[in-house]
Amino acid sequence: MPTHPEKFVDAKRVIYDCDADRPDELSFKEGEIIIVVNEKTEDDDWVEGYVEGHPGRHGVFPSSFVQII
């Protein structure tokens, strides 16, 4: 679980709602900020991160659902 600020890679604003289909995926709503901790996952179109201020809400998600702040 990402809890250390030094693992911060990037911050992105959510542009589409996303509902997780699997336990390792992250659910979020449009407008939330995601802190990216890993841009290299098993799927090139997915990244790993957590919702800003809620490190317990973490997982992988499609990179096309967010934009760089």
PDB file of N, CA and C in Angstrom:
ATOM      1  N   MET A   1       0.851  -1.185   0.000  1.00  0.00           N
ATOM      2  CA  MET A   1       0.000   0.000   0.000  1.00  0.00           C
ATOM      3  C   MET A   1       0.892   1.242   0.000  1.00  0.00           C
ATOM      4  N   PRO A   2       0.681   2.170  -0.918  1.00  0.00           N
ATOM      5  CA  PRO A   2       1.508   3.365  -0.964  1.00  0.00           C
ATOM      6  C   PRO A   2       1.185   4.309   0.188  1.00  0.00           C
ATOM      7  N   THR A   3       2.172   4.546   1.030  1.00  0.00           N
ATOM      8  CA  THR A   3       1.963   5.457   2.149  1.00  0.00           C
ATOM      9  C   THR A   3       3.107   6.443   2.292  1.00  0.00           C
ATOM     10  N   HIS A   4       4.164   6.293   1.529  1.00  0.00           N
ATOM     11  CA  HIS A   4       5.345   7.123   1.667  1.00  0.00           C
ATOM     12  C   HIS A   4       5.403   8.182   0.575  1.00  0.00           C
ATOM     13  N   PRO A   5       5.499   9.470   0.959  1.00  0.00           N
ATOM     14  CA  PRO A   5       5.547  10.545  -0.034  1.00  0.00           C
ATOM     15  C   PRO A   5       6.678  10.400  -1.036  1.00  0.00           C
ATOM     16  N   GLU A   6       7.795   9.760  -0.651  1.00  0.00           N
ATOM     17  CA  GLU A   6       8.906   9.633  -1.584  1.00  0.00           C
ATOM     18  C   GLU A   6       8.573   8.731  -2.771  1.00  0.00           C
ATOM     19  N   LYS A   7       7.481   7.976  -2.697  1.00  0.00           N
ATOM     20  CA  LYS A   7       7.073   7.124  -3.811  1.00  0.00           C
ATOM     21  C   LYS A   7       6.219   7.877  -4.823  1.00  0.00           C
ATOM     22  N   PHE A   8       5.919   9.119  -4.545  1.00  0.00           N
ATOM     23  CA  PHE A   8       5.124   9.967  -5.433  1.00  0.00           C
ATOM     24  C   PHE A   8       5.783  10.053  -6.802  1.00  0.00           C
ATOM     25  N   VAL A   9       5.043   9.784  -7.850  1.00  0.00           N
ATOM     26  CA  VAL A   9       5.547   9.890  -9.216  1.00  0.00           C
ATOM     27  C   VAL A   9       4.908  11.083  -9.908  1.00  0.00           C
ATOM     28  N   ASP A  10       3.597  11.228  -9.759  1.00  0.00           N
ATOM     29  CA  ASP A  10       2.859  12.260 -10.478  1.00  0.00           C
ATOM     30  C   ASP A  10       1.485  12.412  -9.836  1.00  0.00           C
ATOM     31  N   ALA A  11       0.825  13.514 -10.107  1.00  0.00           N
ATOM     32  CA  ALA A  11      -0.556  13.713  -9.669  1.00  0.00           C
ATOM     33  C   ALA A  11      -1.401  13.941 -10.913  1.00  0.00           C
ATOM     34  N   LYS A  12      -2.568  13.336 -10.940  1.00  0.00           N
ATOM     35  CA  LYS A  12      -3.443  13.444 -12.104  1.00  0.00           C
ATOM     36  C   LYS A  12      -4.870  13.693 -11.652  1.00  0.00           C
ATOM     37  N   ARG A  13      -5.604  14.483 -12.438  1.00  0.00           N
ATOM     38  CA  ARG A  13      -7.009  14.752 -12.148  1.00  0.00           C
ATOM     39  C   ARG A  13      -7.864  13.741 -12.923  1.00  0.00           C
ATOM     40  N   VAL A  14      -8.845  13.191 -12.228  1.00  0.00           N
ATOM     41  CA  VAL A  14      -9.751  12.216 -12.828  1.00  0.00           C
ATOM     42  C   VAL A  14     -10.711  12.935 -13.774  1.00  0.00           C
ATOM     43  N   ILE A  15     -10.837  12.410 -15.001  1.00  0.00           N
ATOM     44  CA  ILE A  15     -11.758  13.008 -15.972  1.00  0.00           C
ATOM     45  C   ILE A  15     -12.983  12.128 -16.244  1.00  0.00           C
ATOM     46  N   TYR A  16     -12.943  10.873 -15.787  1.00  0.00           N
ATOM     47  CA  TYR A  16     -14.094   9.967 -15.925  1.00  0.00           C
ATOM     48  C   TYR A  16     -14.231   9.149 -14.650  1.00  0.00           C
ATOM     49  N   ASP A  17     -15.456   8.848 -14.239  1.00  0.00           N
ATOM     50  CA  ASP A  17     -15.683   7.933 -13.126  1.00  0.00           C
ATOM     51  C   ASP A  17     -15.153   6.554 -13.505  1.00  0.00           C
ATOM     52  N   CYS A  18     -14.693   5.812 -12.504  1.00  0.00           N
ATOM     53  CA  CYS A  18     -14.201   4.455 -12.741  1.00  0.00           C
ATOM     54  C   CYS A  18     -14.643   3.565 -11.586  1.00  0.00           C
ATOM     55  N   ASP A  19     -15.306   2.470 -11.910  1.00  0.00           N
ATOM     56  CA  ASP A  19     -15.708   1.477 -10.913  1.00  0.00           C
ATOM     57  C   ASP A  19     -14.839   0.241 -11.090  1.00  0.00           C
ATOM     58  N   ALA A  20     -14.133  -0.132 -10.029  1.00  0.00           N
ATOM     59  CA  ALA A  20     -13.230  -1.280 -10.074  1.00  0.00           C
ATOM     60  C   ALA A  20     -14.000  -2.561 -10.363  1.00  0.00           C
ATOM     61  N   ASP A  21     -13.396  -3.410 -11.166  1.00  0.00           N
ATOM     62  CA  ASP A  21     -13.955  -4.735 -11.453  1.00  0.00           C
ATOM     63  C   ASP A  21     -13.269  -5.826 -10.640  1.00  0.00           C
ATOM     64  N   ARG A  22     -12.045  -5.537 -10.166  1.00  0.00           N
ATOM     65  CA  ARG A  22     -11.255  -6.522  -9.416  1.00  0.00           C
ATOM     66  C   ARG A  22     -10.744  -5.883  -8.127  1.00  0.00           C
ATOM     67  N   PRO A  23     -10.368  -6.704  -7.146  1.00  0.00           N
ATOM     68  CA  PRO A  23      -9.899  -6.173  -5.854  1.00  0.00           C
ATOM     69  C   PRO A  23      -8.640  -5.302  -5.949  1.00  0.00           C
ATOM     70  N   ASP A  24      -7.803  -5.513  -6.960  1.00  0.00           N
ATOM     71  CA  ASP A  24      -6.567  -4.738  -7.085  1.00  0.00           C
ATOM     72  C   ASP A  24      -6.756  -3.439  -7.873  1.00  0.00           C
ATOM     73  N   GLU A  25      -7.982  -3.157  -8.321  1.00  0.00           N
ATOM     74  CA  GLU A  25      -8.259  -1.950  -9.094  1.00  0.00           C
ATOM     75  C   GLU A  25      -8.791  -0.835  -8.183  1.00  0.00           C
ATOM     76  N   LEU A  26      -8.615   0.408  -8.648  1.00  0.00           N
ATOM     77  CA  LEU A  26      -9.021   1.592  -7.902  1.00  0.00           C
ATOM     78  C   LEU A  26     -10.313   2.167  -8.468  1.00  0.00           C
ATOM     79  N   SER A  27     -11.277   2.448  -7.599  1.00  0.00           N
ATOM     80  CA  SER A  27     -12.497   3.161  -7.993  1.00  0.00           C
ATOM     81  C   SER A  27     -12.336   4.625  -7.647  1.00  0.00           C
ATOM     82  N   PHE A  28     -12.854   5.514  -8.498  1.00  0.00           N
ATOM     83  CA  PHE A  28     -12.766   6.946  -8.230  1.00  0.00           C
ATOM     84  C   PHE A  28     -13.832   7.680  -9.021  1.00  0.00           C
ATOM     85  N   LYS A  29     -14.008   8.960  -8.694  1.00  0.00           N
ATOM     86  CA  LYS A  29     -15.018   9.810  -9.332  1.00  0.00           C
ATOM     87  C   LYS A  29     -14.354  10.981 -10.052  1.00  0.00           C
ATOM     88  N   GLU A  30     -15.009  11.482 -11.077  1.00  0.00           N
ATOM     89  CA  GLU A  30     -14.526  12.635 -11.828  1.00  0.00           C
ATOM     90  C   GLU A  30     -14.202  13.789 -10.876  1.00  0.00           C
ATOM     91  N   GLY A  31     -13.062  14.426 -11.085  1.00  0.00           N
ATOM     92  CA  GLY A  31     -12.646  15.558 -10.276  1.00  0.00           C
ATOM     93  C   GLY A  31     -11.695  15.210  -9.142  1.00  0.00           C
ATOM     94  N   GLU A  32     -11.653  13.940  -8.719  1.00  0.00           N
ATOM     95  CA  GLU A  32     -10.717  13.559  -7.667  1.00  0.00           C
ATOM     96  C   GLU A  32      -9.284  13.643  -8.204  1.00  0.00           C
ATOM     97  N   ILE A  33      -8.328  13.727  -7.295  1.00  0.00           N
ATOM     98  CA  ILE A  33      -6.920  13.745  -7.644  1.00  0.00           C
ATOM     99  C   ILE A  33      -6.319  12.393  -7.278  1.00  0.00           C
ATOM    100  N   ILE A  34      -5.581  11.815  -8.210  1.00  0.00           N
ATOM    101  CA  ILE A  34      -4.917  10.536  -7.990  1.00  0.00           C
ATOM    102  C   ILE A  34      -3.418  10.782  -7.894  1.00  0.00           C
ATOM    103  N   ILE A  35      -2.793  10.240  -6.869  1.00  0.00           N
ATOM    104  CA  ILE A  35      -1.345  10.279  -6.725  1.00  0.00           C
ATOM    105  C   ILE A  35      -0.806   8.997  -7.352  1.00  0.00           C
ATOM    106  N   VAL A  36      -0.041   9.145  -8.427  1.00  0.00           N
ATOM    107  CA  VAL A  36       0.523   7.998  -9.131  1.00  0.00           C
ATOM    108  C   VAL A  36       1.817   7.589  -8.440  1.00  0.00           C
ATOM    109  N   VAL A  37       1.930   6.300  -8.113  1.00  0.00           N
ATOM    110  CA  VAL A  37       3.127   5.789  -7.460  1.00  0.00           C
ATOM    111  C   VAL A  37       3.901   4.819  -8.345  1.00  0.00           C
ATOM    112  N   ASN A  38       3.281   4.352  -9.428  1.00  0.00           N
ATOM    113  CA  ASN A  38       3.952   3.413 -10.325  1.00  0.00           C
ATOM    114  C   ASN A  38       3.341   3.532 -11.718  1.00  0.00           C
ATOM    115  N   GLU A  39       4.148   3.982 -12.671  1.00  0.00           N
ATOM    116  CA  GLU A  39       3.659   4.098 -14.048  1.00  0.00           C
ATOM    117  C   GLU A  39       3.923   2.845 -14.859  1.00  0.00           C
ATOM    118  N   LYS A  40       4.638   1.886 -14.294  1.00  0.00           N
ATOM    119  CA  LYS A  40       4.966   0.629 -14.970  1.00  0.00           C
ATOM    120  C   LYS A  40       4.219  -0.508 -14.297  1.00  0.00           C
ATOM    121  N   THR A  41       3.164  -0.984 -14.938  1.00  0.00           N
ATOM    122  CA  THR A  41       2.402  -2.119 -14.418  1.00  0.00           C
ATOM    123  C   THR A  41       2.413  -3.219 -15.472  1.00  0.00           C
ATOM    124  N   GLU A  42       1.746  -4.320 -15.182  1.00  0.00           N
ATOM    125  CA  GLU A  42       1.698  -5.436 -16.126  1.00  0.00           C
ATOM    126  C   GLU A  42       1.016  -5.048 -17.433  1.00  0.00           C
ATOM    127  N   ASP A  43       0.114  -4.082 -17.384  1.00  0.00           N
ATOM    128  CA  ASP A  43      -0.599  -3.593 -18.564  1.00  0.00           C
ATOM    129  C   ASP A  43      -0.120  -2.174 -18.855  1.00  0.00           C
ATOM    130  N   ASP A  44       0.410  -1.938 -20.041  1.00  0.00           N
ATOM    131  CA  ASP A  44       0.970  -0.627 -20.395  1.00  0.00           C
ATOM    132  C   ASP A  44      -0.033   0.514 -20.323  1.00  0.00           C
ATOM    133  N   ASP A  45      -1.316   0.221 -20.390  1.00  0.00           N
ATOM    134  CA  ASP A  45      -2.337   1.266 -20.370  1.00  0.00           C
ATOM    135  C   ASP A  45      -2.887   1.542 -18.970  1.00  0.00           C
ATOM    136  N   TRP A  46      -2.304   0.911 -17.953  1.00  0.00           N
ATOM    137  CA  TRP A  46      -2.744   1.066 -16.570  1.00  0.00           C
ATOM    138  C   TRP A  46      -1.585   1.547 -15.711  1.00  0.00           C
ATOM    139  N   VAL A  47      -1.891   2.299 -14.668  1.00  0.00           N
ATOM    140  CA  VAL A  47      -0.896   2.769 -13.701  1.00  0.00           C
ATOM    141  C   VAL A  47      -1.413   2.473 -12.294  1.00  0.00           C
ATOM    142  N   GLU A  48      -0.545   2.640 -11.300  1.00  0.00           N
ATOM    143  CA  GLU A  48      -0.926   2.372  -9.908  1.00  0.00           C
ATOM    144  C   GLU A  48      -0.896   3.666  -9.110  1.00  0.00           C
ATOM    145  N   GLY A  49      -1.878   3.839  -8.251  1.00  0.00           N
ATOM    146  CA  GLY A  49      -1.898   5.030  -7.427  1.00  0.00           C
ATOM    147  C   GLY A  49      -2.960   4.980  -6.360  1.00  0.00           C
ATOM    148  N   TYR A  50      -3.161   6.128  -5.705  1.00  0.00           N
ATOM    149  CA  TYR A  50      -4.178   6.215  -4.665  1.00  0.00           C
ATOM    150  C   TYR A  50      -4.833   7.592  -4.726  1.00  0.00           C
ATOM    151  N   VAL A  51      -6.024   7.681  -4.163  1.00  0.00           N
ATOM    152  CA  VAL A  51      -6.773   8.928  -4.145  1.00  0.00           C
ATOM    153  C   VAL A  51      -6.130   9.855  -3.116  1.00  0.00           C
ATOM    154  N   GLU A  52      -5.848  11.096  -3.526  1.00  0.00           N
ATOM    155  CA  GLU A  52      -5.204  12.074  -2.655  1.00  0.00           C
ATOM    156  C   GLU A  52      -5.953  12.195  -1.329  1.00  0.00           C
ATOM    157  N   GLY A  53      -5.208  12.098  -0.235  1.00  0.00           N
ATOM    158  CA  GLY A  53      -5.795  12.198   1.095  1.00  0.00           C
ATOM    159  C   GLY A  53      -6.402  10.903   1.602  1.00  0.00           C
ATOM    160  N   HIS A  54      -6.408   9.863   0.776  1.00  0.00           N
ATOM    161  CA  HIS A  54      -6.996   8.569   1.148  1.00  0.00           C
ATOM    162  C   HIS A  54      -6.076   7.432   0.696  1.00  0.00           C
ATOM    163  N   PRO A  55      -4.899   7.274   1.308  1.00  0.00           N
ATOM    164  CA  PRO A  55      -3.971   6.242   0.852  1.00  0.00           C
ATOM    165  C   PRO A  55      -4.520   4.825   0.932  1.00  0.00           C
ATOM    166  N   GLY A  56      -5.586   4.613   1.702  1.00  0.00           N
ATOM    167  CA  GLY A  56      -6.217   3.303   1.752  1.00  0.00           C
ATOM    168  C   GLY A  56      -6.999   2.980   0.488  1.00  0.00           C
ATOM    169  N   ARG A  57      -7.347   4.005  -0.279  1.00  0.00           N
ATOM    170  CA  ARG A  57      -8.033   3.808  -1.567  1.00  0.00           C
ATOM    171  C   ARG A  57      -6.952   3.775  -2.641  1.00  0.00           C
ATOM    172  N   HIS A  58      -6.397   2.601  -2.879  1.00  0.00           N
ATOM    173  CA  HIS A  58      -5.305   2.468  -3.834  1.00  0.00           C
ATOM    174  C   HIS A  58      -5.526   1.273  -4.742  1.00  0.00           C
ATOM    175  N   GLY A  59      -4.831   1.286  -5.867  1.00  0.00           N
ATOM    176  CA  GLY A  59      -4.903   0.181  -6.808  1.00  0.00           C
ATOM    177  C   GLY A  59      -4.488   0.639  -8.191  1.00  0.00           C
ATOM    178  N   VAL A  60      -4.698  -0.224  -9.159  1.00  0.00           N
ATOM    179  CA  VAL A  60      -4.376   0.095 -10.548  1.00  0.00           C
ATOM    180  C   VAL A  60      -5.616   0.652 -11.233  1.00  0.00           C
ATOM    181  N   PHE A  61      -5.372   1.455 -12.283  1.00  0.00           N
ATOM    182  CA  PHE A  61      -6.481   2.065 -13.002  1.00  0.00           C
ATOM    183  C   PHE A  61      -6.024   2.437 -14.402  1.00  0.00           C
ATOM    184  N   PRO A  62      -6.982   2.595 -15.345  1.00  0.00           N
ATOM    185  CA  PRO A  62      -6.624   2.936 -16.726  1.00  0.00           C
ATOM    186  C   PRO A  62      -6.106   4.379 -16.804  1.00  0.00           C
ATOM    187  N   SER A  63      -4.947   4.539 -17.420  1.00  0.00           N
ATOM    188  CA  SER A  63      -4.343   5.869 -17.531  1.00  0.00           C
ATOM    189  C   SER A  63      -5.176   6.821 -18.376  1.00  0.00           C
ATOM    190  N   SER A  64      -6.050   6.309 -19.215  1.00  0.00           N
ATOM    191  CA  SER A  64      -6.882   7.165 -20.062  1.00  0.00           C
ATOM    192  C   SER A  64      -8.023   7.844 -19.292  1.00  0.00           C
ATOM    193  N   PHE A  65      -8.217   7.488 -18.013  1.00  0.00           N
ATOM    194  CA  PHE A  65      -9.275   8.079 -17.204  1.00  0.00           C
ATOM    195  C   PHE A  65      -8.813   9.304 -16.439  1.00  0.00           C
ATOM    196  N   VAL A  66      -7.534   9.672 -16.587  1.00  0.00           N
ATOM    197  CA  VAL A  66      -6.959  10.795 -15.854  1.00  0.00           C
ATOM    198  C   VAL A  66      -6.155  11.686 -16.798  1.00  0.00           C
ATOM    199  N   GLN A  67      -5.901  12.923 -16.336  1.00  0.00           N
ATOM    200  CA  GLN A  67      -5.050  13.831 -17.099  1.00  0.00           C
ATOM    201  C   GLN A  67      -4.039  14.476 -16.169  1.00  0.00           C
ATOM    202  N   ILE A  68      -2.900  14.851 -16.706  1.00  0.00           N
ATOM    203  CA  ILE A  68      -1.856  15.501 -15.923  1.00  0.00           C
ATOM    204  C   ILE A  68      -2.362  16.841 -15.419  1.00  0.00           C
ATOM    205  N   ILE A  69      -2.052  17.159 -14.170  1.00  0.00           N
ATOM    206  CA  ILE A  69      -2.449  18.452 -13.594  1.00  0.00           C
ATOM    207  C   ILE A  69      -1.417  19.482 -13.995  1.00  0.00           C
TER     208      ILE A  69
END
